[in-house]
Amino acid sequence: MKFLKFLAVCCSIVLFSCSQAEECRNCTGTVTNSGDMASWTVCTEDGAILTQINDLTGEIMTTNNSLAEAVAFFGSIGLSCE
C-alpha cells in the first residue's frame, strides 16, 4: 500500500512539474551502493536545458546534460526509468 501511495505521488509530480512541450522520465528504485530509496524526475524542453527534480526532497537542479545522459546515469546507480 505504501508503494502505491509513493507511486501516486511520483506520478503527480511528473504531471505537474513538466509542461506539454517537455519530455520527462521518472527514475525510481533503490540505489545500488547505499541501499537508499530514490526518486527523480528528469525533464528537458526542446533538448536544451535538463531539469532534475528529487521527488523525495523537492530539490531542483538544472544541467546541460541530455535526457539520455541523465537516464543512463540513474540507470547506472540502480534506478529504473520510465
N, C-alpha and C. Protein backbone atom coordinates (compact mmCIF):
# COMPACT_ATOMS: atom_id res chain seq x y z
N MET A 1 0.82 -1.19 0.00
CA MET A 1 0.00 0.00 0.00
C MET A 1 0.86 1.27 0.00
N LYS A 2 1.96 1.24 0.78
CA LYS A 2 2.85 2.39 0.81
C LYS A 2 3.45 2.62 -0.57
N PHE A 3 3.78 1.53 -1.27
CA PHE A 3 4.36 1.65 -2.61
C PHE A 3 3.37 2.31 -3.56
N LEU A 4 2.10 1.97 -3.47
CA LEU A 4 1.10 2.58 -4.35
C LEU A 4 0.98 4.07 -4.07
N LYS A 5 1.02 4.45 -2.80
CA LYS A 5 0.96 5.88 -2.46
C LYS A 5 2.19 6.59 -2.99
N PHE A 6 3.36 5.95 -2.83
CA PHE A 6 4.61 6.52 -3.32
C PHE A 6 4.54 6.70 -4.83
N LEU A 7 4.06 5.70 -5.53
CA LEU A 7 3.94 5.76 -6.98
C LEU A 7 2.96 6.86 -7.41
N ALA A 8 1.86 7.00 -6.68
CA ALA A 8 0.88 8.04 -7.00
C ALA A 8 1.48 9.43 -6.83
N VAL A 9 2.27 9.62 -5.77
CA VAL A 9 2.93 10.91 -5.55
C VAL A 9 3.91 11.20 -6.67
N CYS A 10 4.68 10.19 -7.05
CA CYS A 10 5.66 10.37 -8.13
C CYS A 10 4.98 10.74 -9.44
N CYS A 11 3.90 10.05 -9.74
CA CYS A 11 3.17 10.34 -10.98
C CYS A 11 2.59 11.75 -10.95
N SER A 12 2.08 12.17 -9.80
CA SER A 12 1.53 13.52 -9.67
C SER A 12 2.61 14.57 -9.89
N ILE A 13 3.78 14.34 -9.34
CA ILE A 13 4.88 15.28 -9.51
C ILE A 13 5.26 15.39 -10.97
N VAL A 14 5.32 14.25 -11.64
CA VAL A 14 5.67 14.27 -13.06
C VAL A 14 4.64 15.06 -13.85
N LEU A 15 3.37 14.86 -13.57
CA LEU A 15 2.32 15.54 -14.31
C LEU A 15 2.33 17.04 -14.09
N PHE A 16 2.63 17.47 -12.85
CA PHE A 16 2.58 18.90 -12.55
C PHE A 16 3.90 19.61 -12.74
N SER A 17 5.01 18.91 -12.80
CA SER A 17 6.31 19.58 -12.91
C SER A 17 6.75 19.80 -14.35
N CYS A 18 6.14 19.14 -15.29
CA CYS A 18 6.57 19.24 -16.68
C CYS A 18 5.41 19.70 -17.56
N SER A 19 5.67 20.68 -18.41
CA SER A 19 4.63 21.17 -19.31
C SER A 19 4.52 20.24 -20.52
N GLN A 20 3.56 20.55 -21.39
CA GLN A 20 3.32 19.73 -22.57
C GLN A 20 4.51 19.68 -23.52
N ALA A 21 5.30 20.76 -23.59
CA ALA A 21 6.42 20.82 -24.52
C ALA A 21 7.64 20.08 -24.01
N GLU A 22 7.60 19.65 -22.77
CA GLU A 22 8.74 18.99 -22.18
C GLU A 22 8.65 17.48 -22.33
N GLU A 23 9.80 16.85 -22.38
CA GLU A 23 9.88 15.39 -22.38
C GLU A 23 10.45 15.00 -21.02
N CYS A 24 9.77 14.09 -20.32
CA CYS A 24 10.17 13.75 -18.96
C CYS A 24 10.31 12.24 -18.76
N ARG A 25 11.14 11.88 -17.81
CA ARG A 25 11.29 10.48 -17.37
C ARG A 25 11.27 10.48 -15.85
N ASN A 26 10.67 9.44 -15.29
CA ASN A 26 10.66 9.26 -13.84
C ASN A 26 11.56 8.08 -13.52
N CYS A 27 12.55 8.30 -12.69
CA CYS A 27 13.52 7.27 -12.32
C CYS A 27 13.39 6.96 -10.83
N THR A 28 13.04 5.72 -10.52
CA THR A 28 12.85 5.33 -9.12
C THR A 28 13.52 4.00 -8.85
N GLY A 29 13.73 3.74 -7.57
CA GLY A 29 14.28 2.45 -7.17
C GLY A 29 15.21 2.59 -5.98
N THR A 30 16.04 1.58 -5.80
CA THR A 30 17.00 1.54 -4.71
C THR A 30 18.40 1.75 -5.27
N VAL A 31 19.12 2.71 -4.67
CA VAL A 31 20.49 3.00 -5.11
C VAL A 31 21.37 1.81 -4.75
N THR A 32 22.10 1.30 -5.72
CA THR A 32 22.90 0.09 -5.55
C THR A 32 23.91 0.21 -4.43
N ASN A 33 24.69 1.29 -4.38
CA ASN A 33 25.75 1.44 -3.38
C ASN A 33 25.24 1.61 -1.95
N SER A 34 24.22 2.43 -1.77
CA SER A 34 23.77 2.79 -0.42
C SER A 34 22.57 2.00 0.08
N GLY A 35 21.76 1.47 -0.83
CA GLY A 35 20.54 0.79 -0.44
C GLY A 35 19.39 1.75 -0.14
N ASP A 36 19.60 3.05 -0.37
CA ASP A 36 18.57 4.06 -0.13
C ASP A 36 17.58 4.11 -1.28
N MET A 37 16.33 4.42 -0.95
CA MET A 37 15.31 4.64 -1.98
C MET A 37 15.57 5.99 -2.63
N ALA A 38 15.32 6.08 -3.92
CA ALA A 38 15.49 7.34 -4.65
C ALA A 38 14.39 7.47 -5.68
N SER A 39 14.02 8.71 -5.94
CA SER A 39 13.03 9.00 -6.97
C SER A 39 13.37 10.35 -7.58
N TRP A 40 13.62 10.36 -8.87
CA TRP A 40 13.97 11.57 -9.61
C TRP A 40 13.06 11.72 -10.82
N THR A 41 12.69 12.94 -11.12
CA THR A 41 12.00 13.26 -12.36
C THR A 41 12.96 14.13 -13.17
N VAL A 42 13.24 13.72 -14.39
CA VAL A 42 14.13 14.49 -15.26
C VAL A 42 13.33 14.93 -16.48
N CYS A 43 13.41 16.23 -16.77
CA CYS A 43 12.65 16.80 -17.89
C CYS A 43 13.56 17.67 -18.72
N THR A 44 13.34 17.64 -20.02
CA THR A 44 14.06 18.52 -20.93
C THR A 44 13.05 19.17 -21.85
N GLU A 45 13.30 20.44 -22.15
CA GLU A 45 12.43 21.16 -23.07
C GLU A 45 13.20 21.44 -24.34
N ASP A 46 12.74 20.88 -25.43
CA ASP A 46 13.37 21.05 -26.75
C ASP A 46 14.83 20.61 -26.75
N GLY A 47 15.19 19.65 -25.89
CA GLY A 47 16.54 19.12 -25.85
C GLY A 47 17.58 20.09 -25.33
N ALA A 48 17.15 21.21 -24.73
CA ALA A 48 18.10 22.22 -24.28
C ALA A 48 18.53 21.97 -22.84
N ILE A 49 17.92 22.62 -21.90
CA ILE A 49 18.33 22.52 -20.50
C ILE A 49 17.54 21.39 -19.83
N LEU A 50 18.27 20.61 -19.06
CA LEU A 50 17.67 19.48 -18.35
C LEU A 50 17.38 19.89 -16.91
N THR A 51 16.17 19.62 -16.44
CA THR A 51 15.80 19.87 -15.06
C THR A 51 15.68 18.53 -14.36
N GLN A 52 16.37 18.40 -13.22
CA GLN A 52 16.31 17.19 -12.41
C GLN A 52 15.64 17.54 -11.09
N ILE A 53 14.58 16.81 -10.76
CA ILE A 53 13.82 17.07 -9.55
C ILE A 53 13.92 15.84 -8.65
N ASN A 54 14.44 16.04 -7.44
CA ASN A 54 14.47 14.97 -6.45
C ASN A 54 13.07 14.92 -5.85
N ASP A 55 12.32 13.88 -6.16
CA ASP A 55 10.93 13.78 -5.73
C ASP A 55 10.80 13.58 -4.22
N LEU A 56 11.85 13.12 -3.56
CA LEU A 56 11.79 12.88 -2.12
C LEU A 56 12.09 14.13 -1.32
N THR A 57 12.98 14.99 -1.81
CA THR A 57 13.37 16.19 -1.06
C THR A 57 12.84 17.48 -1.66
N GLY A 58 12.43 17.44 -2.93
CA GLY A 58 11.95 18.63 -3.61
C GLY A 58 13.05 19.48 -4.22
N GLU A 59 14.31 19.05 -4.08
CA GLU A 59 15.44 19.78 -4.64
C GLU A 59 15.36 19.77 -6.17
N ILE A 60 15.63 20.92 -6.78
CA ILE A 60 15.59 21.05 -8.24
C ILE A 60 16.95 21.53 -8.73
N MET A 61 17.47 20.85 -9.75
CA MET A 61 18.75 21.23 -10.35
C MET A 61 18.55 21.35 -11.86
N THR A 62 19.32 22.24 -12.47
CA THR A 62 19.35 22.30 -13.93
C THR A 62 20.78 22.00 -14.38
N THR A 63 20.88 21.27 -15.49
CA THR A 63 22.19 20.90 -16.02
C THR A 63 22.18 21.04 -17.53
N ASN A 64 23.35 20.92 -18.11
CA ASN A 64 23.47 20.93 -19.57
C ASN A 64 23.50 19.52 -20.14
N ASN A 65 23.32 18.50 -19.30
CA ASN A 65 23.29 17.11 -19.76
C ASN A 65 22.06 16.89 -20.63
N SER A 66 22.13 15.87 -21.46
CA SER A 66 20.96 15.50 -22.26
C SER A 66 20.07 14.57 -21.42
N LEU A 67 18.85 14.38 -21.88
CA LEU A 67 17.93 13.48 -21.20
C LEU A 67 18.49 12.06 -21.21
N ALA A 68 19.08 11.66 -22.32
CA ALA A 68 19.67 10.31 -22.42
C ALA A 68 20.80 10.13 -21.43
N GLU A 69 21.63 11.16 -21.25
CA GLU A 69 22.73 11.08 -20.28
C GLU A 69 22.21 10.94 -18.86
N ALA A 70 21.17 11.70 -18.53
CA ALA A 70 20.60 11.62 -17.18
C ALA A 70 20.00 10.25 -16.93
N VAL A 71 19.25 9.72 -17.89
CA VAL A 71 18.64 8.40 -17.73
C VAL A 71 19.72 7.33 -17.61
N ALA A 72 20.80 7.45 -18.39
CA ALA A 72 21.90 6.50 -18.29
C ALA A 72 22.56 6.56 -16.92
N PHE A 73 22.74 7.76 -16.38
CA PHE A 73 23.33 7.88 -15.05
C PHE A 73 22.46 7.23 -14.00
N PHE A 74 21.17 7.56 -14.00
CA PHE A 74 20.28 6.99 -12.99
C PHE A 74 20.19 5.47 -13.13
N GLY A 75 20.23 4.97 -14.35
CA GLY A 75 20.25 3.53 -14.57
C GLY A 75 21.52 2.90 -14.01
N SER A 76 22.65 3.61 -14.12
CA SER A 76 23.92 3.08 -13.65
C SER A 76 23.99 2.98 -12.14
N ILE A 77 23.17 3.76 -11.43
CA ILE A 77 23.18 3.67 -9.96
C ILE A 77 22.06 2.76 -9.44
N GLY A 78 21.35 2.10 -10.36
CA GLY A 78 20.37 1.10 -9.97
C GLY A 78 18.91 1.50 -10.07
N LEU A 79 18.63 2.71 -10.58
CA LEU A 79 17.24 3.15 -10.69
C LEU A 79 16.65 2.70 -12.03
N SER A 80 15.36 2.56 -12.06
CA SER A 80 14.64 2.18 -13.27
C SER A 80 13.89 3.41 -13.77
N CYS A 81 14.09 3.77 -15.03
CA CYS A 81 13.48 4.98 -15.59
C CYS A 81 12.37 4.62 -16.58
N GLU A 82 11.28 5.33 -16.49
CA GLU A 82 10.14 5.17 -17.40
C GLU A 82 9.90 6.44 -18.16
